[in-house]
Every structure is written in C-alpha cells, then in structure tokens.
C-alpha atoms as a PDB file:
ATOM      1  CA  MET A   1      -0.142  -0.004  -0.027  1.00  0.00           C
ATOM      2  CA  LYS A   2       1.159   3.677  -0.933  1.00  0.00           C
ATOM      3  CA  LEU A   3       1.753   5.852   1.878  1.00  0.00           C
ATOM      4  CA  ARG A   4       2.164   9.752   1.097  1.00  0.00           C
ATOM      5  CA  ILE A   5       3.745  12.279   3.021  1.00  0.00           C
ATOM      6  CA  ALA A   6       4.396  15.845   2.685  1.00  0.00           C
ATOM      7  CA  THR A   7       5.233  18.783   4.273  1.00  0.00           C
ATOM      8  CA  PHE A   8       4.061  22.169   3.179  1.00  0.00           C
ATOM      9  CA  ASN A   9       4.906  25.646   4.639  1.00  0.00           C
ATOM     10  CA  LEU A  10       1.540  27.915   3.973  1.00  0.00           C
ATOM     11  CA  GLU A  11       3.013  30.681   4.790  1.00  0.00           C
ATOM     12  CA  ASN A  12       0.803  33.355   7.181  1.00  0.00           C
ATOM     13  CA  LEU A  13      -2.509  31.133   6.637  1.00  0.00           C
ATOM     14  CA  ASP A  14      -4.380  33.779   7.460  1.00  0.00           C
ATOM     15  CA  PHE A  15      -2.807  36.781   8.335  1.00  0.00           C
ATOM     16  CA  GLN A  16      -3.314  40.371   6.939  1.00  0.00           C
ATOM     17  CA  LYS A  17      -0.880  43.314   7.425  1.00  0.00           C
ATOM     18  CA  SER A  18      -2.672  45.326   4.797  1.00  0.00           C
ATOM     19  CA  ASN A  19      -5.670  45.476   2.966  1.00  0.00           C
ATOM     20  CA  LYS A  20      -3.227  45.124  -0.376  1.00  0.00           C
ATOM     21  CA  GLU A  21      -2.594  41.230   0.805  1.00  0.00           C
ATOM     22  CA  PRO A  22      -5.065  38.792  -0.981  1.00  0.00           C
ATOM     23  CA  THR A  23      -8.211  37.765   1.191  1.00  0.00           C
ATOM     24  CA  LEU A  24      -8.231  34.281   2.544  1.00  0.00           C
ATOM     25  CA  GLU A  25     -10.894  33.426  -0.138  1.00  0.00           C
ATOM     26  CA  GLU A  26      -8.661  34.524  -2.958  1.00  0.00           C
ATOM     27  CA  ARG A  27      -5.837  32.203  -1.163  1.00  0.00           C
ATOM     28  CA  ILE A  28      -7.976  29.312  -0.312  1.00  0.00           C
ATOM     29  CA  ALA A  29      -8.757  29.483  -4.486  1.00  0.00           C
ATOM     30  CA  VAL A  30      -5.281  29.282  -5.257  1.00  0.00           C
ATOM     31  CA  ILE A  31      -4.143  26.689  -2.484  1.00  0.00           C
ATOM     32  CA  ARG A  32      -6.408  23.921  -2.145  1.00  0.00           C
ATOM     33  CA  PRO A  33      -5.853  22.541  -5.568  1.00  0.00           C
ATOM     34  CA  GLN A  34      -2.493  22.431  -4.663  1.00  0.00           C
ATOM     35  CA  LEU A  35      -3.415  20.249  -1.385  1.00  0.00           C
ATOM     36  CA  GLU A  36      -5.341  17.849  -3.369  1.00  0.00           C
ATOM     37  CA  ARG A  37      -2.469  17.703  -6.023  1.00  0.00           C
ATOM     38  CA  ILE A  38      -0.254  16.444  -3.145  1.00  0.00           C
ATOM     39  CA  ASN A  39      -3.086  13.649  -2.189  1.00  0.00           C
ATOM     40  CA  ALA A  40      -0.966  13.076   0.855  1.00  0.00           C
ATOM     41  CA  ASP A  41      -2.012  10.588   3.471  1.00  0.00           C
ATOM     42  CA  ILE A  42       0.429  12.362   6.311  1.00  0.00           C
ATOM     43  CA  LEU A  43       0.641  16.118   5.639  1.00  0.00           C
ATOM     44  CA  CYS A  44       2.622  18.635   8.188  1.00  0.00           C
ATOM     45  CA  LEU A  45       2.042  22.219   7.438  1.00  0.00           C
ATOM     46  CA  GLN A  46       3.332  25.404   9.169  1.00  0.00           C
ATOM     47  CA  GLU A  47       2.802  28.883   9.472  1.00  0.00           C
ATOM     48  CA  ILE A  48      -0.685  28.502  10.728  1.00  0.00           C
ATOM     49  CA  HIS A  49      -2.090  31.341  12.345  1.00  0.00           C
ATOM     50  CA  GLY A  50      -5.055  31.098  14.741  1.00  0.00           C
ATOM     51  CA  GLN A  51      -8.348  33.310  14.606  1.00  0.00           C
ATOM     52  CA  GLU A  52     -10.242  34.297  17.776  1.00  0.00           C
ATOM     53  CA  GLU A  53     -14.245  34.742  17.840  1.00  0.00           C
ATOM     54  CA  GLU A  54     -15.939  36.352  20.704  1.00  0.00           C
ATOM     55  CA  GLY A  55     -16.398  34.237  23.715  1.00  0.00           C
ATOM     56  CA  GLN A  56     -14.200  31.237  22.080  1.00  0.00           C
ATOM     57  CA  PRO A  57     -10.589  29.944  22.609  1.00  0.00           C
ATOM     58  CA  ARG A  58      -8.412  30.743  19.398  1.00  0.00           C
ATOM     59  CA  ARG A  59      -9.014  28.116  17.170  1.00  0.00           C
ATOM     60  CA  LEU A  60      -7.382  27.114  13.373  1.00  0.00           C
ATOM     61  CA  LEU A  61     -10.436  29.107  11.558  1.00  0.00           C
ATOM     62  CA  ALA A  62      -9.029  29.674   8.751  1.00  0.00           C
ATOM     63  CA  LEU A  63      -6.957  26.213   7.995  1.00  0.00           C
ATOM     64  CA  ASP A  64     -11.127  24.501   8.893  1.00  0.00           C
ATOM     65  CA  SER A  65     -11.995  26.842   5.809  1.00  0.00           C
ATOM     66  CA  LEU A  66      -9.425  25.637   3.546  1.00  0.00           C
ATOM     67  CA  LEU A  67      -9.611  21.876   4.085  1.00  0.00           C
ATOM     68  CA  ARG A  68     -13.568  22.553   3.651  1.00  0.00           C
ATOM     69  CA  ASP A  69     -14.639  19.653   1.241  1.00  0.00           C
ATOM     70  CA  THR A  70     -11.187  18.445   0.582  1.00  0.00           C
ATOM     71  CA  ARG A  71      -9.741  15.085   1.397  1.00  0.00           C
ATOM     72  CA  TYR A  72      -8.187  16.378   4.507  1.00  0.00           C
ATOM     73  CA  ALA A  73     -11.267  17.701   6.186  1.00  0.00           C
ATOM     74  CA  GLY A  74     -12.246  14.014   7.929  1.00  0.00           C
ATOM     75  CA  PHE A  75      -8.449  13.281   9.200  1.00  0.00           C
ATOM     76  CA  HIS A  76      -7.656  13.338  12.351  1.00  0.00           C
ATOM     77  CA  ARG A  77      -5.521  16.516  13.426  1.00  0.00           C
ATOM     78  CA  VAL A  78      -3.042  17.926  15.936  1.00  0.00           C
ATOM     79  CA  SER A  79      -1.355  21.302  16.343  1.00  0.00           C
ATOM     80  CA  THR A  80       0.932  23.244  18.450  1.00  0.00           C
ATOM     81  CA  MET A  81      -0.580  25.076  21.589  1.00  0.00           C
ATOM     82  CA  ILE A  82       0.349  27.848  24.300  1.00  0.00           C
ATOM     83  CA  GLY A  83       1.660  26.783  27.452  1.00  0.00           C
ATOM     84  CA  ASP A  84      -1.604  25.816  28.981  1.00  0.00           C
ATOM     85  CA  GLY A  85      -2.700  23.787  26.055  1.00  0.00           C
ATOM     86  CA  SER A  86      -6.199  25.393  26.245  1.00  0.00           C
ATOM     87  CA  GLU A  87      -5.944  27.173  22.709  1.00  0.00           C
ATOM     88  CA  VAL A  88      -3.649  27.341  19.985  1.00  0.00           C
ATOM     89  CA  CYS A  89      -1.115  29.799  19.215  1.00  0.00           C
ATOM     90  CA  ASP A  90      -1.797  33.145  17.688  1.00  0.00           C
ATOM     91  CA  LYS A  91       0.864  32.808  14.968  1.00  0.00           C
ATOM     92  CA  ARG A  92       3.072  30.633  12.784  1.00  0.00           C
ATOM     93  CA  ASN A  93       1.247  27.110  14.805  1.00  0.00           C
ATOM     94  CA  LEU A  94       2.519  23.538  13.494  1.00  0.00           C
ATOM     95  CA  VAL A  95      -0.210  21.233  12.268  1.00  0.00           C
ATOM     96  CA  ILE A  96      -0.173  17.252  11.657  1.00  0.00           C
ATOM     97  CA  LEU A  97      -2.996  16.097   9.532  1.00  0.00           C
ATOM     98  CA  SER A  98      -2.762  12.494   8.895  1.00  0.00           C
ATOM     99  CA  ARG A  99      -5.622   9.764   7.434  1.00  0.00           C
ATOM    100  CA  TYR A 100      -4.231   6.901  10.026  1.00  0.00           C
ATOM    101  CA  GLU A 101      -5.084   7.570  13.892  1.00  0.00           C
ATOM    102  CA  ILE A 102      -2.999   9.378  16.316  1.00  0.00           C
ATOM    103  CA  GLN A 103      -2.004   7.503  19.143  1.00  0.00           C
ATOM    104  CA  GLU A 104      -0.431  10.273  20.747  1.00  0.00           C
ATOM    105  CA  HIS A 105       1.465  13.832  20.496  1.00  0.00           C
ATOM    106  CA  HIS A 106       3.481  16.176  22.617  1.00  0.00           C
ATOM    107  CA  GLN A 107       5.208  19.303  22.082  1.00  0.00           C
ATOM    108  CA  TYR A 108       9.029  20.201  22.944  1.00  0.00           C
ATOM    109  CA  ARG A 109      10.707  23.289  23.371  1.00  0.00           C
ATOM    110  CA  HIS A 110      13.355  23.669  25.622  1.00  0.00           C
ATOM    111  CA  TYR A 111      12.515  20.308  26.839  1.00  0.00           C
ATOM    112  CA  TYR A 112      15.800  18.432  25.895  1.00  0.00           C
ATOM    113  CA  ALA A 113      17.849  21.348  25.363  1.00  0.00           C
ATOM    114  CA  PRO A 114      17.867  24.379  27.901  1.00  0.00           C
ATOM    115  CA  ALA A 115      18.524  27.869  26.172  1.00  0.00           C
ATOM    116  CA  PRO A 116      21.919  28.636  26.533  1.00  0.00           C
ATOM    117  CA  HIS A 117      23.318  32.153  27.712  1.00  0.00           C
ATOM    118  CA  TYR A 118      24.628  34.883  25.706  1.00  0.00           C
ATOM    119  CA  ARG A 119      26.265  38.100  26.705  1.00  0.00           C
ATOM    120  CA  LEU A 120      25.389  40.698  24.130  1.00  0.00           C
ATOM    121  CA  VAL A 121      28.083  42.821  22.966  1.00  0.00           C
ATOM    122  CA  MET A 122      26.540  45.429  20.222  1.00  0.00           C
ATOM    123  CA  GLU A 123      23.704  45.918  22.186  1.00  0.00           C
ATOM    124  CA  GLU A 124      23.273  50.266  22.779  1.00  0.00           C
ATOM    125  CA  ARG A 125      23.977  50.643  26.975  1.00  0.00           C
ATOM    126  CA  GLU A 126      24.550  53.616  28.903  1.00  0.00           C
ATOM    127  CA  GLU A 127      27.928  54.247  29.576  1.00  0.00           C
ATOM    128  CA  GLY A 128      30.189  52.521  32.376  1.00  0.00           C
ATOM    129  CA  GLU A 129      26.933  49.711  31.630  1.00  0.00           C
ATOM    130  CA  GLU A 130      27.826  45.962  31.575  1.00  0.00           C
ATOM    131  CA  GLN A 131      27.350  43.718  28.990  1.00  0.00           C
ATOM    132  CA  LYS A 132      23.960  41.995  29.332  1.00  0.00           C
ATOM    133  CA  THR A 133      23.426  38.214  29.121  1.00  0.00           C
ATOM    134  CA  ILE A 134      20.477  36.985  28.239  1.00  0.00           C
ATOM    135  CA  LYS A 135      18.789  33.416  27.593  1.00  0.00           C
ATOM    136  CA  VAL A 136      18.785  32.407  23.887  1.00  0.00           C
ATOM    137  CA  THR A 137      15.099  30.978  23.086  1.00  0.00           C
ATOM    138  CA  TRP A 138      13.769  29.849  20.539  1.00  0.00           C
ATOM    139  CA  GLU A 139       9.886  30.974  19.599  1.00  0.00           C
ATOM    140  CA  ARG A 140       8.403  27.836  17.966  1.00  0.00           C
ATOM    141  CA  PRO A 141       8.246  24.063  19.450  1.00  0.00           C
ATOM    142  CA  ILE A 142       8.514  20.746  17.945  1.00  0.00           C
ATOM    143  CA  LEU A 143       5.592  19.035  17.263  1.00  0.00           C
ATOM    144  CA  HIS A 144       5.545  15.347  17.634  1.00  0.00           C
ATOM    145  CA  ALA A 145       3.276  12.729  16.632  1.00  0.00           C
ATOM    146  CA  ARG A 146       3.308   8.797  16.957  1.00  0.00           C
ATOM    147  CA  ILE A 147       0.742   7.539  14.563  1.00  0.00           C
ATOM    148  CA  SER A 148      -0.423   3.747  13.459  1.00  0.00           C
ATOM    149  CA  VAL A 149       0.247   2.831  10.386  1.00  0.00           C
ATOM    150  CA  GLY A 150      -0.760  -0.949   9.785  1.00  0.00           C
ATOM    151  CA  ASP A 151       1.224  -2.486  12.542  1.00  0.00           C
ATOM    152  CA  ARG A 152       3.560  -0.231  12.816  1.00  0.00           C
ATOM    153  CA  ILE A 153       4.352   3.055  14.709  1.00  0.00           C
ATOM    154  CA  LEU A 154       5.009   6.314  12.577  1.00  0.00           C
ATOM    155  CA  ASP A 155       6.912   8.923  14.602  1.00  0.00           C
ATOM    156  CA  VAL A 156       6.226  12.208  12.597  1.00  0.00           C
ATOM    157  CA  ILE A 157       8.270  15.469  14.129  1.00  0.00           C
ATOM    158  CA  ASN A 158       7.072  18.702  12.390  1.00  0.00           C
ATOM    159  CA  LEU A 159       9.129  21.723  12.563  1.00  0.00           C
ATOM    160  CA  HIS A 160       9.874  25.288  11.621  1.00  0.00           C
ATOM    161  CA  LEU A 161      13.296  26.447  12.575  1.00  0.00           C
ATOM    162  CA  LYS A 162      14.156  30.195  12.792  1.00  0.00           C
ATOM    163  CA  SER A 163      14.642  32.192   9.854  1.00  0.00           C
ATOM    164  CA  ARG A 164      17.658  33.544   8.773  1.00  0.00           C
ATOM    165  CA  LEU A 165      16.334  37.566   9.770  1.00  0.00           C
ATOM    166  CA  ALA A 166      18.585  38.513  12.461  1.00  0.00           C
ATOM    167  CA  THR A 167      17.226  38.744  15.612  1.00  0.00           C
ATOM    168  CA  ASN A 168      16.678  42.964  16.482  1.00  0.00           C
ATOM    169  CA  ILE A 169      19.582  44.328  18.750  1.00  0.00           C
ATOM    170  CA  LYS A 170      18.370  46.961  21.043  1.00  0.00           C
ATOM    171  CA  GLY A 171      19.026  50.276  19.913  1.00  0.00           C
ATOM    172  CA  GLN A 172      20.593  49.100  16.772  1.00  0.00           C
ATOM    173  CA  LYS A 173      18.187  50.095  14.001  1.00  0.00           C
ATOM    174  CA  LEU A 174      17.008  53.147  12.286  1.00  0.00           C
ATOM    175  CA  ASP A 175      13.689  51.491  11.365  1.00  0.00           C
ATOM    176  CA  ARG A 176      12.395  48.135  10.905  1.00  0.00           C
ATOM    177  CA  TYR A 177      14.301  47.058   8.194  1.00  0.00           C
ATOM    178  CA  THR A 178      17.719  49.345   8.270  1.00  0.00           C
ATOM    179  CA  TRP A 179      20.388  48.404  10.651  1.00  0.00           C
ATOM    180  CA  LYS A 180      22.965  51.149  11.900  1.00  0.00           C
ATOM    181  CA  ASN A 181      26.076  49.180  11.168  1.00  0.00           C
ATOM    182  CA  ALA A 182      26.793  45.764   9.772  1.00  0.00           C
ATOM    183  CA  SER A 183      28.412  44.627  13.503  1.00  0.00           C
ATOM    184  CA  ALA A 184      25.185  44.761  14.784  1.00  0.00           C
ATOM    185  CA  TRP A 185      23.506  42.950  12.048  1.00  0.00           C
ATOM    186  CA  ALA A 186      26.173  40.444  12.329  1.00  0.00           C
ATOM    187  CA  GLU A 187      25.911  40.101  15.846  1.00  0.00           C
ATOM    188  CA  GLY A 188      21.815  39.649  15.183  1.00  0.00           C
ATOM    189  CA  PHE A 189      22.172  37.550  12.617  1.00  0.00           C
ATOM    190  CA  PHE A 190      24.546  35.051  15.053  1.00  0.00           C
ATOM    191  CA  LEU A 191      21.329  35.005  17.194  1.00  0.00           C
ATOM    192  CA  SER A 192      19.264  33.635  14.963  1.00  0.00           C
ATOM    193  CA  SER A 193      21.568  30.974  13.890  1.00  0.00           C
ATOM    194  CA  MET A 194      21.951  29.878  17.300  1.00  0.00           C
ATOM    195  CA  LYS A 195      18.494  29.616  17.715  1.00  0.00           C
ATOM    196  CA  ARG A 196      17.679  27.443  14.722  1.00  0.00           C
ATOM    197  CA  VAL A 197      21.113  25.036  15.268  1.00  0.00           C
ATOM    198  CA  GLY A 198      19.660  25.159  18.702  1.00  0.00           C
ATOM    199  CA  GLN A 199      16.434  23.928  17.601  1.00  0.00           C
ATOM    200  CA  ALA A 200      17.996  21.368  15.450  1.00  0.00           C
ATOM    201  CA  LEU A 201      19.742  20.028  18.336  1.00  0.00           C
ATOM    202  CA  GLU A 202      16.916  19.704  20.423  1.00  0.00           C
ATOM    203  CA  THR A 203      14.978  17.522  17.216  1.00  0.00           C
ATOM    204  CA  ARG A 204      18.264  15.254  17.479  1.00  0.00           C
ATOM    205  CA  MET A 205      17.944  14.632  21.044  1.00  0.00           C
ATOM    206  CA  LEU A 206      14.429  14.157  20.383  1.00  0.00           C
ATOM    207  CA  ILE A 207      15.134  11.541  17.812  1.00  0.00           C
ATOM    208  CA  ASP A 208      18.305   9.670  19.638  1.00  0.00           C
ATOM    209  CA  GLN A 209      15.380   8.879  22.531  1.00  0.00           C
ATOM    210  CA  LEU A 210      13.167   7.110  20.165  1.00  0.00           C
ATOM    211  CA  PHE A 211      15.994   5.550  18.624  1.00  0.00           C
ATOM    212  CA  LYS A 212      17.083   4.420  21.946  1.00  0.00           C
ATOM    213  CA  LYS A 213      13.567   2.621  22.459  1.00  0.00           C
ATOM    214  CA  ASP A 214      13.842   1.127  18.830  1.00  0.00           C
ATOM    215  CA  GLU A 215      16.675   1.150  16.755  1.00  0.00           C
ATOM    216  CA  ALA A 216      14.507   0.470  13.702  1.00  0.00           C
ATOM    217  CA  ALA A 217      12.033   2.641  14.612  1.00  0.00           C
ATOM    218  CA  TRP A 218      10.328   4.269  11.700  1.00  0.00           C
ATOM    219  CA  ILE A 219      10.735   8.316  12.093  1.00  0.00           C
ATOM    220  CA  VAL A 220      10.101  11.218   9.662  1.00  0.00           C
ATOM    221  CA  VAL A 221      11.169  14.375  10.102  1.00  0.00           C
ATOM    222  CA  CYS A 222       8.821  17.579   8.209  1.00  0.00           C
ATOM    223  CA  GLY A 223       9.008  20.936   7.776  1.00  0.00           C
ATOM    224  CA  ASP A 224      10.810  24.257   6.897  1.00  0.00           C
ATOM    225  CA  PHE A 225      14.707  24.024   7.733  1.00  0.00           C
ATOM    226  CA  ASN A 226      15.385  27.588   6.709  1.00  0.00           C
ATOM    227  CA  ALA A 227      18.569  25.761   6.040  1.00  0.00           C
ATOM    228  CA  ASP A 228      19.441  23.897   2.833  1.00  0.00           C
ATOM    229  CA  PHE A 229      20.564  19.860   3.290  1.00  0.00           C
ATOM    230  CA  ASP A 230      24.325  20.459   3.579  1.00  0.00           C
ATOM    231  CA  GLU A 231      23.638  23.162   6.342  1.00  0.00           C
ATOM    232  CA  VAL A 232      24.455  23.115  10.059  1.00  0.00           C
ATOM    233  CA  PRO A 233      21.188  22.840  11.058  1.00  0.00           C
ATOM    234  CA  VAL A 234      20.099  19.718   8.596  1.00  0.00           C
ATOM    235  CA  GLU A 235      23.524  18.061   9.443  1.00  0.00           C
ATOM    236  CA  ALA A 236      23.127  18.013  12.949  1.00  0.00           C
ATOM    237  CA  ILE A 237      19.900  16.196  12.620  1.00  0.00           C
ATOM    238  CA  ARG A 238      21.114  14.078   9.883  1.00  0.00           C
ATOM    239  CA  GLY A 239      23.415  12.668  12.243  1.00  0.00           C
ATOM    240  CA  GLN A 240      25.758  11.125   9.410  1.00  0.00           C
ATOM    241  CA  VAL A 241      28.609   8.678  10.409  1.00  0.00           C
ATOM    242  CA  GLU A 242      31.219  11.014   8.956  1.00  0.00           C
ATOM    243  CA  ASN A 243      30.464  13.487  11.386  1.00  0.00           C
ATOM    244  CA  THR A 244      30.336  11.777  14.447  1.00  0.00           C
ATOM    245  CA  GLY A 245      32.965   9.216  13.152  1.00  0.00           C
ATOM    246  CA  ASN A 246      31.314   5.962  14.789  1.00  0.00           C
ATOM    247  CA  GLY A 247      30.160   3.502  12.644  1.00  0.00           C
ATOM    248  CA  GLY A 248      27.948   1.991  15.547  1.00  0.00           C
ATOM    249  CA  LEU A 249      25.557   4.715  14.627  1.00  0.00           C
ATOM    250  CA  ALA A 250      25.009   4.243  11.584  1.00  0.00           C
ATOM    251  CA  LYS A 251      21.275   2.717  11.829  1.00  0.00           C
ATOM    252  CA  ARG A 252      20.213   6.048  13.430  1.00  0.00           C
ATOM    253  CA  VAL A 253      21.072   8.194  10.300  1.00  0.00           C
ATOM    254  CA  MET A 254      18.165  10.032   8.932  1.00  0.00           C
ATOM    255  CA  LEU A 255      18.691  10.932   4.965  1.00  0.00           C
ATOM    256  CA  PRO A 256      16.820  13.463   3.319  1.00  0.00           C
ATOM    257  CA  CYS A 257      14.605  11.706   0.547  1.00  0.00           C
ATOM    258  CA  GLU A 258      15.249  15.265  -1.440  1.00  0.00           C
ATOM    259  CA  MET A 259      18.385  13.603  -2.498  1.00  0.00           C
ATOM    260  CA  SER A 260      16.856  11.026  -5.258  1.00  0.00           C
ATOM    261  CA  ILE A 261      15.218  14.211  -7.383  1.00  0.00           C
ATOM    262  CA  PRO A 262      17.725  15.796  -9.939  1.00  0.00           C
ATOM    263  CA  GLU A 263      19.917  18.601  -8.644  1.00  0.00           C
ATOM    264  CA  SER A 264      18.119  21.055 -11.398  1.00  0.00           C
ATOM    265  CA  ALA A 265      14.517  20.207 -10.007  1.00  0.00           C
ATOM    266  CA  ARG A 266      15.718  20.137  -5.802  1.00  0.00           C
ATOM    267  CA  PHE A 267      14.016  23.620  -4.848  1.00  0.00           C
ATOM    268  CA  SER A 268      10.971  24.320  -2.937  1.00  0.00           C
ATOM    269  CA  LEU A 269      11.854  28.184  -1.848  1.00  0.00           C
ATOM    270  CA  TYR A 270      13.152  31.078  -5.052  1.00  0.00           C
ATOM    271  CA  HIS A 271      15.404  33.873  -3.961  1.00  0.00           C
ATOM    272  CA  ARG A 272      17.142  36.416  -5.791  1.00  0.00           C
ATOM    273  CA  GLY A 273      16.913  34.186  -8.991  1.00  0.00           C
ATOM    274  CA  ARG A 274      18.592  31.247  -7.007  1.00  0.00           C
ATOM    275  CA  GLY A 275      16.530  28.023  -6.183  1.00  0.00           C
ATOM    276  CA  ARG A 276      17.088  27.125  -2.205  1.00  0.00           C
ATOM    277  CA  MET A 277      16.296  23.539  -0.909  1.00  0.00           C
ATOM    278  CA  LEU A 278      14.812  24.700   2.496  1.00  0.00           C
ATOM    279  CA  ASP A 279      11.493  22.709   3.222  1.00  0.00           C
ATOM    280  CA  HIS A 280      12.734  18.905   3.975  1.00  0.00           C
ATOM    281  CA  LEU A 281      11.503  15.759   4.846  1.00  0.00           C
ATOM    282  CA  LEU A 282      14.361  13.386   6.626  1.00  0.00           C
ATOM    283  CA  VAL A 283      13.506   9.483   7.144  1.00  0.00           C
ATOM    284  CA  SER A 284      14.822   6.820   9.230  1.00  0.00           C
ATOM    285  CA  ARG A 285      17.352   4.277   7.604  1.00  0.00           C
ATOM    286  CA  SER A 286      14.711   1.310   8.372  1.00  0.00           C
ATOM    287  CA  MET A 287      11.793   3.062   6.010  1.00  0.00           C
ATOM    288  CA  LEU A 288      14.347   3.383   3.209  1.00  0.00           C
ATOM    289  CA  ALA A 289      13.784  -0.047   1.897  1.00  0.00           C
ATOM    290  CA  HIS A 290       9.862   1.187   1.389  1.00  0.00           C
ATOM    291  CA  TYR A 291      10.856   4.805  -0.363  1.00  0.00           C
ATOM    292  CA  LYS A 292       9.621   4.737  -3.262  1.00  0.00           C
ATOM    293  CA  GLY A 293      10.411   8.921  -4.890  1.00  0.00           C
ATOM    294  CA  SER A 294      10.264  12.201  -4.109  1.00  0.00           C
ATOM    295  CA  GLU A 295       8.789  15.033  -5.711  1.00  0.00           C
ATOM    296  CA  VAL A 296       8.787  18.765  -5.135  1.00  0.00           C
ATOM    297  CA  HIS A 297       6.191  20.987  -6.696  1.00  0.00           C
ATOM    298  CA  ASN A 298       7.693  24.103  -7.258  1.00  0.00           C
ATOM    299  CA  GLU A 299       6.775  24.645 -10.957  1.00  0.00           C
ATOM    300  CA  LEU A 300       4.866  27.868 -10.074  1.00  0.00           C
ATOM    301  CA  LEU A 301       7.126  29.204  -7.398  1.00  0.00           C
ATOM    302  CA  HIS A 302       7.505  33.058  -7.774  1.00  0.00           C
ATOM    303  CA  ASP A 303      10.487  34.418  -6.445  1.00  0.00           C
ATOM    304  CA  GLU A 304      10.065  35.440  -3.149  1.00  0.00           C
ATOM    305  CA  SER A 305      12.417  38.234  -2.768  1.00  0.00           C
ATOM    306  CA  ILE A 306      10.312  40.164  -5.523  1.00  0.00           C
ATOM    307  CA  ALA A 307       6.841  39.511  -3.217  1.00  0.00           C
ATOM    308  CA  PHE A 308       8.758  41.398  -0.504  1.00  0.00           C
ATOM    309  CA  ALA A 309      10.358  44.307  -2.759  1.00  0.00           C
ATOM    310  CA  THR A 310       6.312  45.539  -2.122  1.00  0.00           C
ATOM    311  CA  GLU A 311       3.648  45.634  -0.299  1.00  0.00           C
ATOM    312  CA  THR A 312       1.668  43.196  -2.602  1.00  0.00           C
ATOM    313  CA  LYS A 313       1.597  40.024  -2.252  1.00  0.00           C
ATOM    314  CA  PHE A 314       0.769  36.590  -3.751  1.00  0.00           C
ATOM    315  CA  PRO A 315      -1.831  34.399  -2.868  1.00  0.00           C
ATOM    316  CA  GLU A 316       0.346  31.413  -2.991  1.00  0.00           C
ATOM    317  CA  SER A 317       2.847  30.580  -0.448  1.00  0.00           C
ATOM    318  CA  ASP A 318       6.422  31.482  -0.963  1.00  0.00           C
ATOM    319  CA  HIS A 319       7.477  27.815  -0.531  1.00  0.00           C
ATOM    320  CA  ALA A 320       6.669  24.797  -2.817  1.00  0.00           C
ATOM    321  CA  PRO A 321       4.911  21.467  -1.216  1.00  0.00           C
ATOM    322  CA  VAL A 322       7.814  18.330  -0.818  1.00  0.00           C
ATOM    323  CA  ILE A 323       6.344  14.444  -0.886  1.00  0.00           C
ATOM    324  CA  ALA A 324       7.697  11.237  -0.011  1.00  0.00           C
ATOM    325  CA  GLU A 325       6.135   7.906  -1.060  1.00  0.00           C
ATOM    326  CA  PHE A 326       6.586   4.912   0.103  1.00  0.00           C
ATOM    327  CA  GLU A 327       5.447   1.062  -0.785  1.00  0.00           C
ATOM    328  CA  LEU A 328       4.312  -0.496   2.625  1.00  0.00           C
ATOM    329  CA  PRO A 329       3.752  -3.928   3.186  1.00  0.00           C
ATOM    330  CA  ASP A 330       0.575  -5.685   5.189  1.00  0.00           C
ATOM    331  CA  ILE A 331      -1.482  -2.738   5.937  1.00  0.00           C
ATOM    332  CA  ASP A 332      -5.121  -2.723   5.813  1.00  0.00           C
END
C-alpha cells in the first residue's frame, strides 16, 4: 500500500497586515488545488495562524475553511498549543494531519535542550553599563505525533526552524528594516543562527530518544528548516557517520528524501533568482526499504525577494510542497 507523506509551509495562513494582501478566499482558491494534488496520507503544515471569536478559545478557523470539502477535512489533526493547552498559538502554528489514527502527540521547546546564555556585544547601553547576558530561546516548539500505520508506529516530527532574518539588537536599527552598522546586523544574524541550530539540536536529541527505545524505529522529520541539506541545522539532525566518526550509529542516520530528485529541480523556495531547498523530509534508515521517490511541486514558485519588495503579496505560498512516497507491506 502506498503512503504519501508531505510537508508544506503555507506562509501566514491567515494573517493580513494590509488591505493590499490577498483575502483568505483568494488564498484558498490557489492553495486548495495544491493540497489536492499533494494527495497526502500524512501532511505536515507550518505557519498556520489562529483566529479568535468572542467567547471562544483561539482556533484554526482559516485552516478549517481551507480544508473544507477536501480529502483532509476528516483527517485526524494535532497542532501546537499555548503553554496551558487551552488554545492554539496566535501565529505560526505547526499542524499534523493524518489519515491514520494519531495515538499520542507532544510538543517540545527547551525540554531536551535548555536555552543557552549569551553576552550581548552590540546592544546599546549607558556609559559604564555592563554587557547584558540573555537566554537565547527559540520561539517555535517541535510537534511530535505517534501515528498507527498498520501494525507499526510512525513517529512524525514537524519543524519550523528560526528564519535567517537577524534577531533585533536593542538600539541598533534606524527602522524595522535598516541596521545602523554591519556589526550589529552580524550579531543579530548570529543569534538567529544559534536559535536555528538549537532547535535542530533539540530535534536530534528527541530522535535519539526514539532510537534508544527502538533502533529500527520509523521516523520522519518534516518541515521548513530554513537551511539547505548541507548546512549546519540539517547536518545536526541527520547525524551522519562522517560527522560522528562512529559506525555503530549508522542505523540512526536520518536521510533527506529530496536527494533522489535531480539537482536542477531540487528547490522549494526561489530567492533572488536562485532556487533553495529549505523544506525537507528526512527519514530513518529503516524506512528506506519502502521508499519509492519524492516530488517538489515548484513549477509555479515566484521569486520570494520580489514578493517582499512591494506591499502587494501573492495568494500562493513562497514555499513548494515536498512529498515522499513509500510502498508499505501488509497494511489494511
């Protein structure tokens, strides 16, 4: 039986900053056919905003509208929540949709990896004031679901790692987009990199916990990594033997499915005329025996840098869906 697993960053569904941005209805008209084409059995989504109605907890109402009358409307669903679990987050929720039953789910943020401390260099301060030490926390948690697929458990991990935009440094910007000097920008960029790699570290620690319980575990890590397959965050999650130097860990390596796609078509985002593969689907070695191939639906991607150069936004996402297909035995 075929199993299709996909990841798709829907990019700010649904969050309008100005009346020049497309309405939810305009976005649904473009995105819904994309979802139908994906034809996924398990779908990991990123950047799903929550909406509020008077007297009700914050919910994913825009997503409900998008999924209505599609194959995904009746799927099992879990999402990230605020700390007490009473409602979804206001922005950038992670969502896992599954045809198969979700046995349990968890979210992790600084559960395995405590926030590191860092002493700011460039922050504006009064004469004689000491450099401030801060905790470098990452905003988005990891979403983990354990899904029953036949007689096996599939561990699905949905990620959205920190963007490449530099973290704000107090007193070092002329306006929202303009830095006073390159050193301040560089420190902000360094802080964002710390957050991105920190999230990757915590993800790898979760993966190793799953492998400790079962070295033949079926694990898939999906999402927007904001990094290419050979950059540090993805390398940290992959755990290649070339990096650990330990052949005994070979069964615990995670493999990017997109490596089977020709390099010329291997991109999920287009920026300044260059294709980047920032969205990934990594699987454990035990799943490779069932792997058949991958797709990146990038035919209509626009240049993201052009989208941000004006106030007029596109109704489609800047990201392309990434899909991996498996042929699994003995599944009812």
